[in-house]
Amino acid sequence: MANESGGVDRFMVTLQHPLKAGVEQLRKAILASNPEITERVKWNAPSFCHDGVDRVTFLLRRSDRLQLVFHRGAKVRDDSAEFSFQDPTGLMRWQAPDRGVISFTDLEDVESKQAAVVSLVNRWVQA
C-alpha cells in the first residue's frame, strides 16, 4: 500500500501489546479505505495523517485495551469551540469538543466496530 510507512512497519515488528493483531487489523483497514491518509509513529504508536497533520492516533498505554484518539493535532486549536462532528455510531467518548476516543477491549470488539470506525476516520479527516 502506497500510504504505509516503513517507520510504522518497523514499529509494528517490535510492538508488544496483547491487542497487536487488532492494531494491525485497524491499521490496514484505515489505510486501505483512503489513499490520502498516511501514517507515522506519534505518541509511541501508529498515527494517521491527512495533509501532513496527525488526525487519529492509537493510544497503547494500557494492556487491557487499545484506543483510537480522534484529534486535530497536538495542540488545542483556537477554533475548537466552533468545531462540530457528529458521531451517529455513539462509539466516541468525547474528551473535548474536538477530541474523541474509541476503545476496544479485544479482537472481537475490533472486528465488530471496524466498519463504523473506518467510516468515522474518513469523515473525521475531512472535518
N, C-alpha and C. Protein backbone atom coordinates (compact mmCIF):
# COMPACT_ATOMS: atom_id res chain seq x y z
N MET A 1 0.84 -1.17 0.00
CA MET A 1 0.00 0.00 0.00
C MET A 1 0.89 1.24 0.00
N ALA A 2 0.62 2.16 -0.89
CA ALA A 2 1.48 3.34 -1.07
C ALA A 2 1.47 4.27 0.14
N ASN A 3 0.43 4.25 0.93
CA ASN A 3 0.36 5.17 2.05
C ASN A 3 0.88 4.57 3.36
N GLU A 4 1.40 3.34 3.32
CA GLU A 4 2.02 2.75 4.51
C GLU A 4 3.38 3.37 4.75
N SER A 5 3.80 3.36 5.98
CA SER A 5 5.09 3.92 6.35
C SER A 5 6.04 2.82 6.82
N GLY A 6 7.27 2.86 6.30
CA GLY A 6 8.27 1.91 6.77
C GLY A 6 8.54 2.06 8.25
N GLY A 7 8.45 3.31 8.75
CA GLY A 7 8.64 3.55 10.18
C GLY A 7 7.59 2.85 11.02
N VAL A 8 6.35 2.87 10.55
CA VAL A 8 5.28 2.19 11.28
C VAL A 8 5.44 0.68 11.14
N ASP A 9 5.85 0.22 9.96
CA ASP A 9 6.11 -1.22 9.79
C ASP A 9 7.16 -1.69 10.80
N ARG A 10 8.24 -0.94 10.94
CA ARG A 10 9.30 -1.30 11.89
C ARG A 10 8.78 -1.25 13.33
N PHE A 11 7.98 -0.24 13.63
CA PHE A 11 7.38 -0.13 14.97
C PHE A 11 6.52 -1.35 15.27
N MET A 12 5.72 -1.76 14.29
CA MET A 12 4.81 -2.89 14.49
C MET A 12 5.57 -4.20 14.73
N VAL A 13 6.71 -4.36 14.12
CA VAL A 13 7.51 -5.58 14.33
C VAL A 13 7.90 -5.71 15.80
N THR A 14 8.21 -4.60 16.43
CA THR A 14 8.68 -4.63 17.83
C THR A 14 7.57 -4.42 18.85
N LEU A 15 6.36 -4.06 18.39
CA LEU A 15 5.26 -3.80 19.33
C LEU A 15 4.92 -5.05 20.13
N GLN A 16 4.86 -4.88 21.43
CA GLN A 16 4.42 -5.95 22.32
C GLN A 16 3.19 -5.43 23.06
N HIS A 17 2.04 -5.83 22.56
CA HIS A 17 0.78 -5.42 23.15
C HIS A 17 -0.20 -6.58 22.95
N PRO A 18 -1.00 -6.90 23.96
CA PRO A 18 -1.94 -8.03 23.82
C PRO A 18 -2.90 -7.88 22.63
N LEU A 19 -3.18 -6.65 22.21
CA LEU A 19 -4.10 -6.42 21.10
C LEU A 19 -3.38 -5.97 19.83
N LYS A 20 -2.15 -6.42 19.66
CA LYS A 20 -1.36 -6.07 18.47
C LYS A 20 -2.10 -6.46 17.20
N ALA A 21 -2.74 -7.62 17.17
CA ALA A 21 -3.48 -8.05 15.98
C ALA A 21 -4.61 -7.07 15.66
N GLY A 22 -5.24 -6.51 16.67
CA GLY A 22 -6.29 -5.52 16.45
C GLY A 22 -5.74 -4.22 15.89
N VAL A 23 -4.57 -3.81 16.39
CA VAL A 23 -3.91 -2.61 15.87
C VAL A 23 -3.62 -2.81 14.39
N GLU A 24 -3.05 -3.94 14.05
CA GLU A 24 -2.70 -4.22 12.66
C GLU A 24 -3.95 -4.29 11.79
N GLN A 25 -4.99 -4.90 12.28
CA GLN A 25 -6.24 -5.02 11.52
C GLN A 25 -6.83 -3.64 11.23
N LEU A 26 -6.93 -2.80 12.25
CA LEU A 26 -7.47 -1.46 12.04
C LEU A 26 -6.56 -0.62 11.16
N ARG A 27 -5.27 -0.74 11.36
CA ARG A 27 -4.30 0.00 10.55
C ARG A 27 -4.49 -0.31 9.07
N LYS A 28 -4.53 -1.58 8.73
CA LYS A 28 -4.70 -1.99 7.33
C LYS A 28 -6.03 -1.50 6.77
N ALA A 29 -7.10 -1.62 7.54
CA ALA A 29 -8.43 -1.21 7.06
C ALA A 29 -8.49 0.29 6.83
N ILE A 30 -7.94 1.07 7.74
CA ILE A 30 -7.97 2.54 7.61
C ILE A 30 -7.15 2.97 6.40
N LEU A 31 -5.94 2.43 6.26
CA LEU A 31 -5.09 2.82 5.13
C LEU A 31 -5.70 2.39 3.80
N ALA A 32 -6.34 1.23 3.76
CA ALA A 32 -6.95 0.76 2.52
C ALA A 32 -8.17 1.58 2.14
N SER A 33 -8.77 2.26 3.09
CA SER A 33 -10.01 2.98 2.84
C SER A 33 -9.82 4.32 2.15
N ASN A 34 -8.61 4.87 2.20
CA ASN A 34 -8.41 6.22 1.69
C ASN A 34 -6.94 6.46 1.37
N PRO A 35 -6.59 6.63 0.08
CA PRO A 35 -5.18 6.83 -0.27
C PRO A 35 -4.60 8.16 0.22
N GLU A 36 -5.46 9.09 0.66
CA GLU A 36 -4.99 10.37 1.17
C GLU A 36 -4.56 10.29 2.63
N ILE A 37 -4.88 9.19 3.29
CA ILE A 37 -4.48 9.01 4.68
C ILE A 37 -3.10 8.36 4.69
N THR A 38 -2.17 8.99 5.39
CA THR A 38 -0.83 8.44 5.56
C THR A 38 -0.63 8.12 7.03
N GLU A 39 0.52 7.58 7.35
CA GLU A 39 0.77 7.18 8.74
C GLU A 39 2.20 7.48 9.15
N ARG A 40 2.38 7.59 10.44
CA ARG A 40 3.70 7.72 11.05
C ARG A 40 3.56 7.32 12.51
N VAL A 41 4.67 7.29 13.22
CA VAL A 41 4.63 6.97 14.64
C VAL A 41 4.56 8.27 15.43
N LYS A 42 3.58 8.36 16.33
CA LYS A 42 3.40 9.51 17.22
C LYS A 42 2.93 8.95 18.56
N TRP A 43 3.36 9.53 19.65
CA TRP A 43 2.97 9.06 20.98
C TRP A 43 3.31 7.59 21.14
N ASN A 44 4.39 7.14 20.51
CA ASN A 44 4.83 5.75 20.55
C ASN A 44 3.74 4.78 20.07
N ALA A 45 3.08 5.18 18.97
CA ALA A 45 2.01 4.37 18.38
C ALA A 45 1.76 4.83 16.96
N PRO A 46 1.12 3.99 16.14
CA PRO A 46 0.76 4.43 14.79
C PRO A 46 -0.24 5.59 14.85
N SER A 47 -0.01 6.56 13.95
CA SER A 47 -0.88 7.72 13.85
C SER A 47 -1.23 7.94 12.39
N PHE A 48 -2.47 8.33 12.13
CA PHE A 48 -2.93 8.55 10.78
C PHE A 48 -3.00 10.05 10.51
N CYS A 49 -2.48 10.43 9.36
CA CYS A 49 -2.39 11.85 8.98
C CYS A 49 -3.20 12.12 7.73
N HIS A 50 -3.62 13.36 7.62
CA HIS A 50 -4.26 13.85 6.41
C HIS A 50 -3.64 15.21 6.12
N ASP A 51 -3.13 15.38 4.91
CA ASP A 51 -2.42 16.61 4.54
C ASP A 51 -1.28 16.90 5.51
N GLY A 52 -0.61 15.86 5.99
CA GLY A 52 0.55 16.02 6.87
C GLY A 52 0.23 16.33 8.32
N VAL A 53 -1.04 16.36 8.68
CA VAL A 53 -1.46 16.67 10.06
C VAL A 53 -1.99 15.40 10.71
N ASP A 54 -1.45 15.06 11.88
CA ASP A 54 -1.95 13.91 12.63
C ASP A 54 -3.41 14.16 12.99
N ARG A 55 -4.26 13.16 12.73
CA ARG A 55 -5.69 13.32 12.99
C ARG A 55 -6.26 12.22 13.87
N VAL A 56 -5.73 10.99 13.74
CA VAL A 56 -6.23 9.85 14.52
C VAL A 56 -5.01 9.04 14.94
N THR A 57 -4.87 8.81 16.24
CA THR A 57 -3.67 8.16 16.76
C THR A 57 -4.05 7.06 17.74
N PHE A 58 -3.39 5.91 17.60
CA PHE A 58 -3.59 4.85 18.57
C PHE A 58 -3.02 5.28 19.92
N LEU A 59 -3.67 4.85 20.98
CA LEU A 59 -3.17 5.01 22.34
C LEU A 59 -3.03 3.59 22.89
N LEU A 60 -1.79 3.20 23.18
CA LEU A 60 -1.49 1.80 23.54
C LEU A 60 -0.89 1.67 24.93
N ARG A 61 -1.13 2.61 25.79
CA ARG A 61 -0.52 2.61 27.13
C ARG A 61 -1.04 1.51 28.03
N ARG A 62 -2.29 1.14 27.86
CA ARG A 62 -2.89 0.13 28.74
C ARG A 62 -2.85 -1.22 28.05
N SER A 63 -2.62 -2.25 28.81
CA SER A 63 -2.54 -3.59 28.23
C SER A 63 -3.91 -4.25 28.10
N ASP A 64 -4.94 -3.68 28.73
CA ASP A 64 -6.26 -4.31 28.69
C ASP A 64 -7.15 -3.76 27.58
N ARG A 65 -6.62 -2.82 26.77
CA ARG A 65 -7.41 -2.25 25.68
C ARG A 65 -6.51 -1.52 24.71
N LEU A 66 -7.05 -1.23 23.56
CA LEU A 66 -6.39 -0.28 22.67
C LEU A 66 -7.41 0.80 22.40
N GLN A 67 -6.90 1.97 22.11
CA GLN A 67 -7.78 3.11 21.88
C GLN A 67 -7.34 3.85 20.63
N LEU A 68 -8.30 4.49 19.98
CA LEU A 68 -8.02 5.41 18.89
C LEU A 68 -8.45 6.79 19.36
N VAL A 69 -7.53 7.74 19.30
CA VAL A 69 -7.82 9.12 19.68
C VAL A 69 -8.04 9.93 18.42
N PHE A 70 -9.19 10.52 18.30
CA PHE A 70 -9.53 11.40 17.18
C PHE A 70 -9.23 12.82 17.66
N HIS A 71 -8.34 13.51 16.95
CA HIS A 71 -7.91 14.84 17.38
C HIS A 71 -7.64 15.71 16.17
N ARG A 72 -7.28 16.95 16.40
CA ARG A 72 -6.99 17.87 15.30
C ARG A 72 -5.57 18.42 15.43
N GLY A 73 -4.66 17.57 15.84
CA GLY A 73 -3.28 17.97 16.06
C GLY A 73 -2.96 17.90 17.54
N ALA A 74 -1.71 18.16 17.86
CA ALA A 74 -1.25 18.03 19.24
C ALA A 74 -1.78 19.12 20.16
N LYS A 75 -1.98 20.30 19.63
CA LYS A 75 -2.39 21.43 20.46
C LYS A 75 -3.87 21.74 20.27
N VAL A 76 -4.47 22.28 21.33
CA VAL A 76 -5.85 22.74 21.23
C VAL A 76 -5.86 23.93 20.28
N ARG A 77 -6.79 23.90 19.35
CA ARG A 77 -6.86 24.96 18.36
C ARG A 77 -7.81 26.06 18.80
N ASP A 78 -7.57 27.28 18.33
CA ASP A 78 -8.41 28.42 18.69
C ASP A 78 -9.86 28.24 18.29
N ASP A 79 -10.10 27.47 17.23
CA ASP A 79 -11.47 27.31 16.74
C ASP A 79 -12.16 26.06 17.31
N SER A 80 -11.64 25.52 18.39
CA SER A 80 -12.21 24.29 18.97
C SER A 80 -13.67 24.45 19.34
N ALA A 81 -14.06 25.61 19.82
CA ALA A 81 -15.44 25.82 20.24
C ALA A 81 -16.40 25.78 19.06
N GLU A 82 -15.92 26.16 17.87
CA GLU A 82 -16.77 26.16 16.69
C GLU A 82 -16.78 24.81 15.98
N PHE A 83 -15.84 23.93 16.31
CA PHE A 83 -15.74 22.65 15.63
C PHE A 83 -16.92 21.77 16.00
N SER A 84 -17.46 21.08 15.01
CA SER A 84 -18.59 20.19 15.25
C SER A 84 -18.39 18.90 14.46
N PHE A 85 -18.64 17.78 15.10
CA PHE A 85 -18.56 16.49 14.45
C PHE A 85 -19.64 15.61 15.05
N GLN A 86 -20.43 15.01 14.20
CA GLN A 86 -21.50 14.12 14.65
C GLN A 86 -21.03 12.66 14.56
N ASP A 87 -21.20 11.93 15.64
CA ASP A 87 -20.88 10.51 15.67
C ASP A 87 -22.19 9.72 15.78
N PRO A 88 -22.77 9.35 14.65
CA PRO A 88 -24.03 8.62 14.70
C PRO A 88 -23.90 7.21 15.29
N THR A 89 -22.67 6.71 15.39
CA THR A 89 -22.45 5.36 15.92
C THR A 89 -22.51 5.33 17.44
N GLY A 90 -22.23 6.46 18.08
CA GLY A 90 -22.17 6.51 19.53
C GLY A 90 -20.93 5.84 20.11
N LEU A 91 -19.94 5.53 19.27
CA LEU A 91 -18.72 4.86 19.73
C LEU A 91 -17.75 5.81 20.43
N MET A 92 -17.77 7.08 20.07
CA MET A 92 -16.79 8.02 20.63
C MET A 92 -17.16 8.47 22.02
N ARG A 93 -16.14 8.55 22.85
CA ARG A 93 -16.25 9.16 24.17
C ARG A 93 -15.54 10.50 24.04
N TRP A 94 -16.24 11.59 24.21
CA TRP A 94 -15.69 12.93 23.96
C TRP A 94 -14.88 13.42 25.14
N GLN A 95 -13.63 13.80 24.87
CA GLN A 95 -12.72 14.35 25.88
C GLN A 95 -12.76 15.87 25.86
N ALA A 96 -13.10 16.43 24.70
CA ALA A 96 -13.20 17.87 24.46
C ALA A 96 -14.06 18.01 23.20
N PRO A 97 -14.47 19.23 22.86
CA PRO A 97 -15.31 19.38 21.66
C PRO A 97 -14.65 18.86 20.38
N ASP A 98 -13.32 18.81 20.35
CA ASP A 98 -12.63 18.35 19.14
C ASP A 98 -11.68 17.19 19.41
N ARG A 99 -12.00 16.38 20.43
CA ARG A 99 -11.16 15.22 20.75
C ARG A 99 -12.03 14.10 21.30
N GLY A 100 -12.06 12.99 20.55
CA GLY A 100 -12.84 11.84 20.97
C GLY A 100 -11.99 10.59 21.02
N VAL A 101 -12.44 9.60 21.77
CA VAL A 101 -11.70 8.35 21.93
C VAL A 101 -12.66 7.18 21.72
N ILE A 102 -12.17 6.19 20.97
CA ILE A 102 -12.90 4.93 20.83
C ILE A 102 -12.02 3.85 21.44
N SER A 103 -12.59 3.03 22.31
CA SER A 103 -11.85 1.96 22.99
C SER A 103 -12.28 0.60 22.44
N PHE A 104 -11.32 -0.33 22.46
CA PHE A 104 -11.53 -1.71 22.03
C PHE A 104 -10.96 -2.62 23.11
N THR A 105 -11.75 -3.60 23.53
CA THR A 105 -11.32 -4.46 24.63
C THR A 105 -10.67 -5.77 24.17
N ASP A 106 -11.00 -6.21 22.95
CA ASP A 106 -10.43 -7.45 22.43
C ASP A 106 -10.59 -7.48 20.92
N LEU A 107 -10.08 -8.52 20.28
CA LEU A 107 -10.12 -8.62 18.83
C LEU A 107 -11.56 -8.70 18.31
N GLU A 108 -12.43 -9.36 19.02
CA GLU A 108 -13.84 -9.42 18.63
C GLU A 108 -14.46 -8.03 18.62
N ASP A 109 -14.10 -7.21 19.60
CA ASP A 109 -14.58 -5.83 19.67
C ASP A 109 -14.06 -5.02 18.48
N VAL A 110 -12.80 -5.22 18.12
CA VAL A 110 -12.22 -4.55 16.95
C VAL A 110 -13.02 -4.94 15.70
N GLU A 111 -13.25 -6.22 15.53
CA GLU A 111 -13.95 -6.71 14.34
C GLU A 111 -15.37 -6.18 14.27
N SER A 112 -16.06 -6.11 15.39
CA SER A 112 -17.45 -5.65 15.37
C SER A 112 -17.57 -4.15 15.09
N LYS A 113 -16.55 -3.37 15.45
CA LYS A 113 -16.59 -1.92 15.27
C LYS A 113 -15.85 -1.44 14.02
N GLN A 114 -15.10 -2.32 13.38
CA GLN A 114 -14.17 -1.89 12.33
C GLN A 114 -14.82 -1.06 11.22
N ALA A 115 -15.90 -1.52 10.64
CA ALA A 115 -16.52 -0.79 9.53
C ALA A 115 -16.96 0.61 9.97
N ALA A 116 -17.57 0.71 11.13
CA ALA A 116 -18.02 2.01 11.64
C ALA A 116 -16.83 2.92 11.93
N VAL A 117 -15.77 2.35 12.49
CA VAL A 117 -14.58 3.15 12.82
C VAL A 117 -13.91 3.67 11.56
N VAL A 118 -13.77 2.83 10.56
CA VAL A 118 -13.15 3.27 9.30
C VAL A 118 -13.97 4.42 8.70
N SER A 119 -15.27 4.31 8.73
CA SER A 119 -16.12 5.39 8.23
C SER A 119 -15.92 6.67 9.04
N LEU A 120 -15.86 6.56 10.37
CA LEU A 120 -15.64 7.72 11.22
C LEU A 120 -14.28 8.37 10.94
N VAL A 121 -13.25 7.55 10.77
CA VAL A 121 -11.92 8.10 10.48
C VAL A 121 -11.97 8.92 9.19
N ASN A 122 -12.60 8.38 8.16
CA ASN A 122 -12.67 9.11 6.89
C ASN A 122 -13.47 10.39 7.00
N ARG A 123 -14.52 10.39 7.75
CA ARG A 123 -15.28 11.63 7.97
C ARG A 123 -14.48 12.62 8.81
N TRP A 124 -13.77 12.10 9.83
CA TRP A 124 -13.00 12.96 10.73
C TRP A 124 -11.89 13.70 9.99
N VAL A 125 -11.16 13.00 9.14
CA VAL A 125 -10.03 13.66 8.47
C VAL A 125 -10.51 14.72 7.49
N GLN A 126 -11.76 14.66 7.08
CA GLN A 126 -12.30 15.67 6.18
C GLN A 126 -12.96 16.83 6.96
N ALA A 127 -13.23 16.63 8.24
CA ALA A 127 -13.93 17.66 9.04
C ALA A 127 -13.03 18.84 9.35
